[in-house]
């Protein structure tokens, strides 16, 4: 089977990592894979398997990639199309109709679109209308969590349309951090005091609440060191907040790291402070490393992954006191790393890849 994966670019988000994992798995199963990018750019380009053919639509915006995608579908005729991230999902499904594409069209949403800034005014109308149309344009609609599928239903997707396929997650076997990190203050702190957060510095991640929680933990007499791996539009604002809280010695910004695996293993506790998520890949990555987790019980994903608290602590969203309490208690609690790894195996790329292949070949 020839499968085409479509994403905007490879700038380093969770969706992009997932598509690279799936591409690698599909190839391992003997399938041909094209990776179509609206624009060929991003730090993850170097991680694309050599066997994958990368197609650059050379468009500055998603909508400008519409006709190039139509031409691609007419010229290459893959057996199945898997496209992610609204509005690309709707545009690609429409392009398939215009191209008279006869293969399977599967759209996959990775976030709660109702929480999107686009869900206002004219853009909000377009969002809701396109969600209602998508079931007529696509052969199948996938959400990466039950919460994402519920959100799509709330936006107008018919109740009998949509299925859950969780994101596949894999971390490297590398156990040693890259050169230059061994002398970092975070690595020099005791392992039991190391807190880790991974994700773009953007509103959804609610890092301000995490910093307030760290302040509460330190004030209670527990010395901790937090490392945030990721970059984003709120970086400067977050650095100012760190200074205002007097946390320069307790909070560190590590920027984007291509392979966070060694950092998960080095951490004493992983913390997710998000106000909302689509799934929460980073939680599974932490579990795969055997690292305990504290997470907000946000929509959507964390409660599904952690089985409502069985595999990690869940706290209310935007509650720095509850988050601080959970951090403090988790640092001194006993954890079973093997049990966490077993749970992470439920989201292996082999298992999730097989689920996608069934949908793409139906």
Protein backbone atom coordinates (compact mmCIF):
# COMPACT_ATOMS: atom_id res chain seq x y z
CA UNK A 1 0.00 0.00 0.00
CA UNK A 2 1.16 3.52 -0.78
CA UNK A 3 0.33 5.91 2.07
CA UNK A 4 0.59 9.69 1.94
CA UNK A 5 0.91 11.63 5.19
CA UNK A 6 0.10 15.36 5.05
CA UNK A 7 1.16 17.95 7.66
CA UNK A 8 1.95 21.67 7.44
CA UNK A 9 5.69 21.36 8.23
CA UNK A 10 8.17 19.69 10.58
CA UNK A 11 8.86 22.48 13.04
CA UNK A 12 9.03 20.23 16.07
CA UNK A 13 5.58 19.74 17.59
CA UNK A 14 4.00 16.55 18.84
CA UNK A 15 1.96 16.01 15.68
CA UNK A 16 5.06 16.16 13.52
CA UNK A 17 6.91 13.66 15.72
CA UNK A 18 3.94 11.31 15.55
CA UNK A 19 3.87 11.40 11.76
CA UNK A 20 7.57 10.57 11.57
CA UNK A 21 7.02 7.62 13.92
CA UNK A 22 4.13 6.37 11.80
CA UNK A 23 6.11 6.80 8.58
CA UNK A 24 8.92 4.70 10.03
CA UNK A 25 6.46 2.03 11.19
CA UNK A 26 4.60 1.88 7.87
CA UNK A 27 7.89 1.40 6.03
CA UNK A 28 8.87 -1.37 8.45
CA UNK A 29 5.60 -3.11 7.56
CA UNK A 30 6.47 -2.97 3.85
CA UNK A 31 4.42 0.03 2.73
CA UNK A 32 5.53 2.98 0.58
CA UNK A 33 5.26 6.38 2.24
CA UNK A 34 5.12 9.93 0.90
CA UNK A 35 5.31 12.82 3.36
CA UNK A 36 3.63 15.91 1.91
CA UNK A 37 4.52 19.21 3.57
CA UNK A 38 2.79 22.51 2.91
CA UNK A 39 6.23 23.98 3.36
CA UNK A 40 9.41 21.94 3.67
CA UNK A 41 10.90 23.37 6.84
CA UNK A 42 11.50 22.46 10.45
CA UNK A 43 14.01 21.02 12.88
CA UNK A 44 12.63 17.50 12.45
CA UNK A 45 13.44 17.21 8.74
CA UNK A 46 16.64 15.38 9.60
CA UNK A 47 14.64 12.67 11.41
CA UNK A 48 12.59 11.67 8.36
CA UNK A 49 13.58 8.13 7.28
CA UNK A 50 15.56 8.01 4.04
CA UNK A 51 12.96 5.69 2.50
CA UNK A 52 10.26 8.37 2.79
CA UNK A 53 9.78 10.63 -0.20
CA UNK A 54 9.25 14.21 1.00
CA UNK A 55 7.01 16.37 -1.19
CA UNK A 56 7.22 20.15 -0.77
CA UNK A 57 4.06 22.03 -1.82
CA UNK A 58 6.10 25.26 -1.53
CA UNK A 59 3.21 27.21 -0.04
CA UNK A 60 3.55 29.97 2.55
CA UNK A 61 0.10 29.28 3.98
CA UNK A 62 -2.07 26.20 4.26
CA UNK A 63 -4.74 27.49 1.88
CA UNK A 64 -2.07 28.26 -0.74
CA UNK A 65 -1.18 24.58 -0.75
CA UNK A 66 -4.66 23.57 -1.94
CA UNK A 67 -4.05 23.42 -5.70
CA UNK A 68 -0.52 21.97 -5.37
CA UNK A 69 -2.07 19.19 -3.27
CA UNK A 70 -4.76 18.61 -5.92
CA UNK A 71 -2.02 18.28 -8.54
CA UNK A 72 -0.05 15.90 -6.31
CA UNK A 73 -3.07 13.63 -5.82
CA UNK A 74 -3.83 13.59 -9.54
CA UNK A 75 -0.24 12.80 -10.42
CA UNK A 76 0.73 10.27 -7.75
CA UNK A 77 -2.51 8.51 -6.79
CA UNK A 78 -1.61 6.99 -3.41
CA UNK A 79 -3.86 4.31 -1.94
CA UNK A 80 -4.58 6.26 1.23
CA UNK A 81 -4.27 9.79 2.55
CA UNK A 82 -3.76 10.59 6.25
CA UNK A 83 -3.94 14.31 6.97
CA UNK A 84 -3.60 16.11 10.29
CA UNK A 85 -4.32 19.50 11.84
CA UNK A 86 -7.26 21.76 11.00
CA UNK A 87 -7.68 23.64 8.65
CA UNK A 88 -5.39 21.39 6.60
CA UNK A 89 -7.68 18.44 7.35
CA UNK A 90 -10.66 20.11 5.67
CA UNK A 91 -8.66 21.54 2.76
CA UNK A 92 -6.96 18.23 2.03
CA UNK A 93 -10.24 16.31 2.12
CA UNK A 94 -11.72 18.86 -0.29
CA UNK A 95 -8.63 18.64 -2.51
CA UNK A 96 -9.16 14.88 -2.68
CA UNK A 97 -12.71 15.43 -3.96
CA UNK A 98 -11.56 17.97 -6.56
CA UNK A 99 -8.80 15.60 -7.69
CA UNK A 100 -11.32 12.75 -7.95
CA UNK A 101 -9.09 10.78 -5.65
CA UNK A 102 -10.36 7.23 -5.19
CA UNK A 103 -8.22 6.16 -2.26
CA UNK A 104 -9.08 6.33 1.43
CA UNK A 105 -9.11 9.79 3.04
CA UNK A 106 -8.60 9.78 6.81
CA UNK A 107 -8.40 13.02 8.79
CA UNK A 108 -6.85 13.11 12.24
CA UNK A 109 -7.31 15.91 14.76
CA UNK A 110 -4.83 16.31 17.59
CA UNK A 111 -6.33 19.11 19.68
CA UNK A 112 -9.59 20.39 21.10
CA UNK A 113 -10.49 22.80 18.29
CA UNK A 114 -13.08 24.57 20.43
CA UNK A 115 -10.20 25.90 22.54
CA UNK A 116 -8.46 27.25 19.44
CA UNK A 117 -8.05 31.03 19.02
CA UNK A 118 -9.65 30.51 15.58
CA UNK A 119 -12.94 29.61 17.26
CA UNK A 120 -14.10 33.24 17.26
CA UNK A 121 -16.01 35.43 14.82
CA UNK A 122 -15.78 34.55 11.15
CA UNK A 123 -13.01 32.04 11.77
CA UNK A 124 -15.18 30.33 14.36
CA UNK A 125 -18.01 30.01 11.85
CA UNK A 126 -15.60 28.53 9.30
CA UNK A 127 -14.27 26.10 11.91
CA UNK A 128 -17.69 24.83 12.91
CA UNK A 129 -18.91 24.64 9.30
CA UNK A 130 -15.82 22.72 8.17
CA UNK A 131 -16.17 20.23 11.02
CA UNK A 132 -19.75 19.57 9.91
CA UNK A 133 -18.63 19.14 6.29
CA UNK A 134 -15.66 16.93 7.00
CA UNK A 135 -17.71 13.77 7.51
CA UNK A 136 -19.02 14.11 3.94
CA UNK A 137 -15.53 14.67 2.52
CA UNK A 138 -13.50 12.08 4.44
CA UNK A 139 -13.82 8.32 4.76
CA UNK A 140 -12.93 8.37 8.45
CA UNK A 141 -12.36 10.92 11.21
CA UNK A 142 -9.88 10.20 13.99
CA UNK A 143 -9.33 12.01 17.27
CA UNK A 144 -6.26 11.27 19.37
CA UNK A 145 -8.30 11.10 22.56
CA UNK A 146 -11.92 10.62 23.57
CA UNK A 147 -11.96 14.27 24.58
CA UNK A 148 -10.94 15.41 21.09
CA UNK A 149 -13.68 13.29 19.50
CA UNK A 150 -16.23 14.68 21.97
CA UNK A 151 -15.04 18.18 21.10
CA UNK A 152 -15.57 17.50 17.39
CA UNK A 153 -19.09 16.31 18.15
CA UNK A 154 -19.70 19.54 20.05
CA UNK A 155 -18.60 21.49 16.98
CA UNK A 156 -21.07 19.69 14.73
CA UNK A 157 -19.54 16.36 13.72
CA UNK A 158 -22.38 13.79 13.66
CA UNK A 159 -22.51 11.66 16.78
CA UNK A 160 -22.02 8.42 14.83
CA UNK A 161 -18.83 9.68 13.16
CA UNK A 162 -15.35 9.67 14.68
CA UNK A 163 -13.09 7.15 16.37
CA UNK A 164 -10.25 7.33 18.90
CA UNK A 165 -6.73 6.29 17.95
CA UNK A 166 -4.22 7.44 20.54
CA UNK A 167 -0.87 8.86 19.52
CA UNK A 168 2.05 6.47 19.23
CA UNK A 169 4.95 7.34 21.49
CA UNK A 170 8.56 6.18 21.52
CA UNK A 171 11.66 7.53 23.21
CA UNK A 172 15.26 6.77 22.35
CA UNK A 173 17.34 4.27 24.30
CA UNK A 174 19.96 6.97 24.92
CA UNK A 175 20.65 7.35 28.63
CA UNK A 176 23.31 10.07 28.59
CA UNK A 177 22.50 13.73 28.06
CA UNK A 178 24.27 15.54 25.25
CA UNK A 179 27.69 17.13 25.69
CA UNK A 180 27.53 20.34 27.67
CA UNK A 181 24.56 19.34 29.78
CA UNK A 182 26.46 17.49 32.51
CA UNK A 183 27.61 20.80 33.98
CA UNK A 184 24.14 22.33 33.83
CA UNK A 185 22.71 23.33 37.27
CA UNK A 186 19.72 21.03 36.74
CA UNK A 187 21.98 18.01 36.22
CA UNK A 188 24.07 18.98 39.24
CA UNK A 189 21.03 18.96 41.53
CA UNK A 190 20.09 15.68 43.26
CA UNK A 191 17.97 13.43 41.00
CA UNK A 192 15.13 13.42 43.51
CA UNK A 193 14.85 17.22 43.19
CA UNK A 194 14.75 17.37 39.38
CA UNK A 195 11.43 18.40 37.87
CA UNK A 196 10.96 18.24 34.10
CA UNK A 197 8.42 19.85 31.77
CA UNK A 198 8.48 19.38 28.00
CA UNK A 199 6.47 21.36 25.47
CA UNK A 200 6.18 24.59 23.52
CA UNK A 201 6.06 27.77 25.57
CA UNK A 202 2.51 28.77 24.61
CA UNK A 203 -0.77 29.49 26.42
CA UNK A 204 -2.05 25.90 26.33
CA UNK A 205 0.85 24.69 28.49
CA UNK A 206 0.11 27.19 31.29
CA UNK A 207 3.69 27.41 32.50
CA UNK A 208 2.87 30.45 34.68
CA UNK A 209 0.85 28.17 36.96
CA UNK A 210 3.76 25.72 37.05
CA UNK A 211 6.17 28.46 38.11
CA UNK A 212 3.78 29.53 40.86
CA UNK A 213 3.58 25.91 42.01
CA UNK A 214 7.37 25.66 42.10
CA UNK A 215 7.44 28.84 44.19
CA UNK A 216 5.01 27.20 46.63
CA UNK A 217 7.12 24.04 46.82
CA UNK A 218 10.29 26.02 47.52
CA UNK A 219 8.48 28.14 50.10
CA UNK A 220 7.41 24.95 51.88
CA UNK A 221 11.06 24.04 52.39
CA UNK A 222 11.56 21.52 49.58
CA UNK A 223 14.42 22.39 47.26
CA UNK A 224 13.60 21.60 43.62
CA UNK A 225 15.05 22.37 40.21
CA UNK A 226 12.70 22.64 37.22
CA UNK A 227 13.89 22.29 33.62
CA UNK A 228 11.54 23.36 30.82
CA UNK A 229 12.41 21.95 27.39
CA UNK A 230 10.74 23.87 24.58
CA UNK A 231 10.49 27.26 22.94
CA UNK A 232 7.61 29.46 21.96
CA UNK A 233 6.01 32.89 21.79
CA UNK A 234 5.70 33.34 25.57
CA UNK A 235 9.38 32.68 26.34
CA UNK A 236 10.28 36.27 27.28
CA UNK A 237 7.14 36.65 29.37
CA UNK A 238 7.88 33.44 31.25
CA UNK A 239 11.46 34.49 31.94
CA UNK A 240 10.13 37.74 33.41
CA UNK A 241 7.78 35.77 35.63
CA UNK A 242 10.65 33.60 36.82
CA UNK A 243 12.54 36.72 37.84
CA UNK A 244 9.50 38.26 39.53
CA UNK A 245 9.05 35.10 41.61
CA UNK A 246 12.73 34.96 42.50
CA UNK A 247 13.16 31.53 40.93
CA UNK A 248 16.31 32.11 38.87
CA UNK A 249 18.09 29.35 40.79
CA UNK A 250 15.18 26.93 40.60
CA UNK A 251 13.77 27.23 37.06
CA UNK A 252 15.84 26.66 33.92
CA UNK A 253 14.95 26.96 30.23
CA UNK A 254 16.62 24.38 28.01
CA UNK A 255 15.09 25.31 24.65
CA UNK A 256 14.24 22.74 22.01
CA UNK A 257 16.00 19.40 22.42
CA UNK A 258 15.80 16.90 19.52
CA UNK A 259 16.06 13.89 21.83
CA UNK A 260 14.49 14.48 25.26
CA UNK A 261 14.75 10.79 26.21
CA UNK A 262 17.82 11.14 28.46
CA UNK A 263 16.17 14.04 30.29
CA UNK A 264 13.08 11.98 31.11
CA UNK A 265 15.35 9.33 32.59
CA UNK A 266 17.35 11.90 34.56
CA UNK A 267 14.28 13.55 36.07
CA UNK A 268 12.84 12.69 39.45
CA UNK A 269 9.36 13.81 38.41
CA UNK A 270 7.66 14.90 35.20
CA UNK A 271 5.08 17.68 35.45
CA UNK A 272 2.44 18.70 32.92
CA UNK A 273 0.62 21.93 33.81
CA UNK A 274 -1.50 22.35 30.67
CA UNK A 275 -4.81 24.18 30.57
CA UNK A 276 -5.78 21.97 27.64
CA UNK A 277 -4.26 19.22 25.52
CA UNK A 278 -5.23 17.03 22.61
CA UNK A 279 -3.56 13.95 24.05
CA UNK A 280 -0.38 14.56 26.02
CA UNK A 281 2.41 12.62 24.28
CA UNK A 282 4.92 13.87 26.82
CA UNK A 283 3.12 12.04 29.62
CA UNK A 284 3.57 8.73 27.82
CA UNK A 285 7.20 9.57 27.08
CA UNK A 286 7.79 10.10 30.80
CA UNK A 287 6.05 6.82 31.65
CA UNK A 288 8.18 5.04 29.03
CA UNK A 289 11.26 6.24 30.91
CA UNK A 290 9.83 4.96 34.19
CA UNK A 291 9.52 8.51 35.51
CA UNK A 292 6.54 9.37 37.76
CA UNK A 293 4.06 11.98 36.55
CA UNK A 294 1.99 14.80 37.98
CA UNK A 295 -0.48 16.33 35.52
CA UNK A 296 -3.41 18.65 35.40
CA UNK A 297 -6.70 16.90 34.72
CA UNK A 298 -7.21 18.98 31.60
CA UNK A 299 -9.15 18.24 28.46
CA UNK A 300 -8.07 16.04 26.82
CA UNK A 301 -5.80 13.06 27.28
CA UNK A 302 -4.07 13.05 30.69
CA UNK A 303 -6.86 11.24 32.54
CA UNK A 304 -7.09 8.68 29.72
CA UNK A 305 -3.34 8.03 29.77
CA UNK A 306 -3.04 7.92 33.56
CA UNK A 307 -6.31 5.96 33.94
CA UNK A 308 -7.84 8.59 36.21
CA UNK A 309 -4.88 8.66 38.57
CA UNK A 310 -3.79 5.02 38.59
CA UNK A 311 -0.48 5.79 36.88
CA UNK A 312 0.11 9.35 38.08
CA UNK A 313 -1.32 12.23 40.06
CA UNK A 314 -4.04 14.43 38.55
CA UNK A 315 -4.83 17.91 39.83
CA UNK A 316 -7.29 20.64 38.79
CA UNK A 317 -6.35 23.04 35.99
CA UNK A 318 -4.87 26.43 36.95
CA UNK A 319 -4.54 25.47 40.63
CA UNK A 320 -0.95 26.19 41.66
CA UNK A 321 -1.54 25.12 45.27
CA UNK A 322 -2.91 21.70 44.30
CA UNK A 323 -0.10 21.28 41.79
CA UNK A 324 2.51 22.19 44.40
CA UNK A 325 1.03 19.73 46.90
CA UNK A 326 1.04 16.92 44.33
CA UNK A 327 4.63 17.70 43.34
CA UNK A 328 5.80 17.67 46.95
CA UNK A 329 4.02 14.42 47.80
CA UNK A 330 5.12 12.67 44.60
CA UNK A 331 8.78 13.52 45.14
CA UNK A 332 8.74 11.56 48.40
CA UNK A 333 6.42 8.73 47.32
CA UNK A 334 7.43 5.26 46.19
CA UNK A 335 6.91 4.49 42.50
CA UNK A 336 7.13 1.34 40.39
CA UNK A 337 9.05 2.28 37.22
CA UNK A 338 8.22 -1.05 35.57
CA UNK A 339 4.48 -0.51 36.00
CA UNK A 340 4.83 2.90 34.35
CA UNK A 341 6.75 1.39 31.42
CA UNK A 342 4.12 -1.31 30.98
CA UNK A 343 1.42 1.36 30.76
CA UNK A 344 3.46 3.29 28.18
CA UNK A 345 3.65 0.14 26.05
CA UNK A 346 -0.10 0.49 25.42
CA UNK A 347 0.84 3.43 23.17
CA UNK A 348 3.68 1.75 21.28
CA UNK A 349 4.16 2.71 17.65
CA UNK A 350 3.68 -0.93 16.65
CA UNK A 351 0.24 -1.08 18.28
CA UNK A 352 -0.96 2.34 17.13
CA UNK A 353 0.55 1.90 13.67
CA UNK A 354 -1.50 -1.27 13.19
CA UNK A 355 -4.68 0.58 14.20
CA UNK A 356 -4.00 3.27 11.60
CA UNK A 357 -3.21 0.73 8.88
CA UNK A 358 -6.57 -0.96 9.48
CA UNK A 359 -8.38 2.36 9.04
CA UNK A 360 -6.33 3.35 5.99
CA UNK A 361 -6.92 0.03 4.24
CA UNK A 362 -10.60 -0.53 5.10
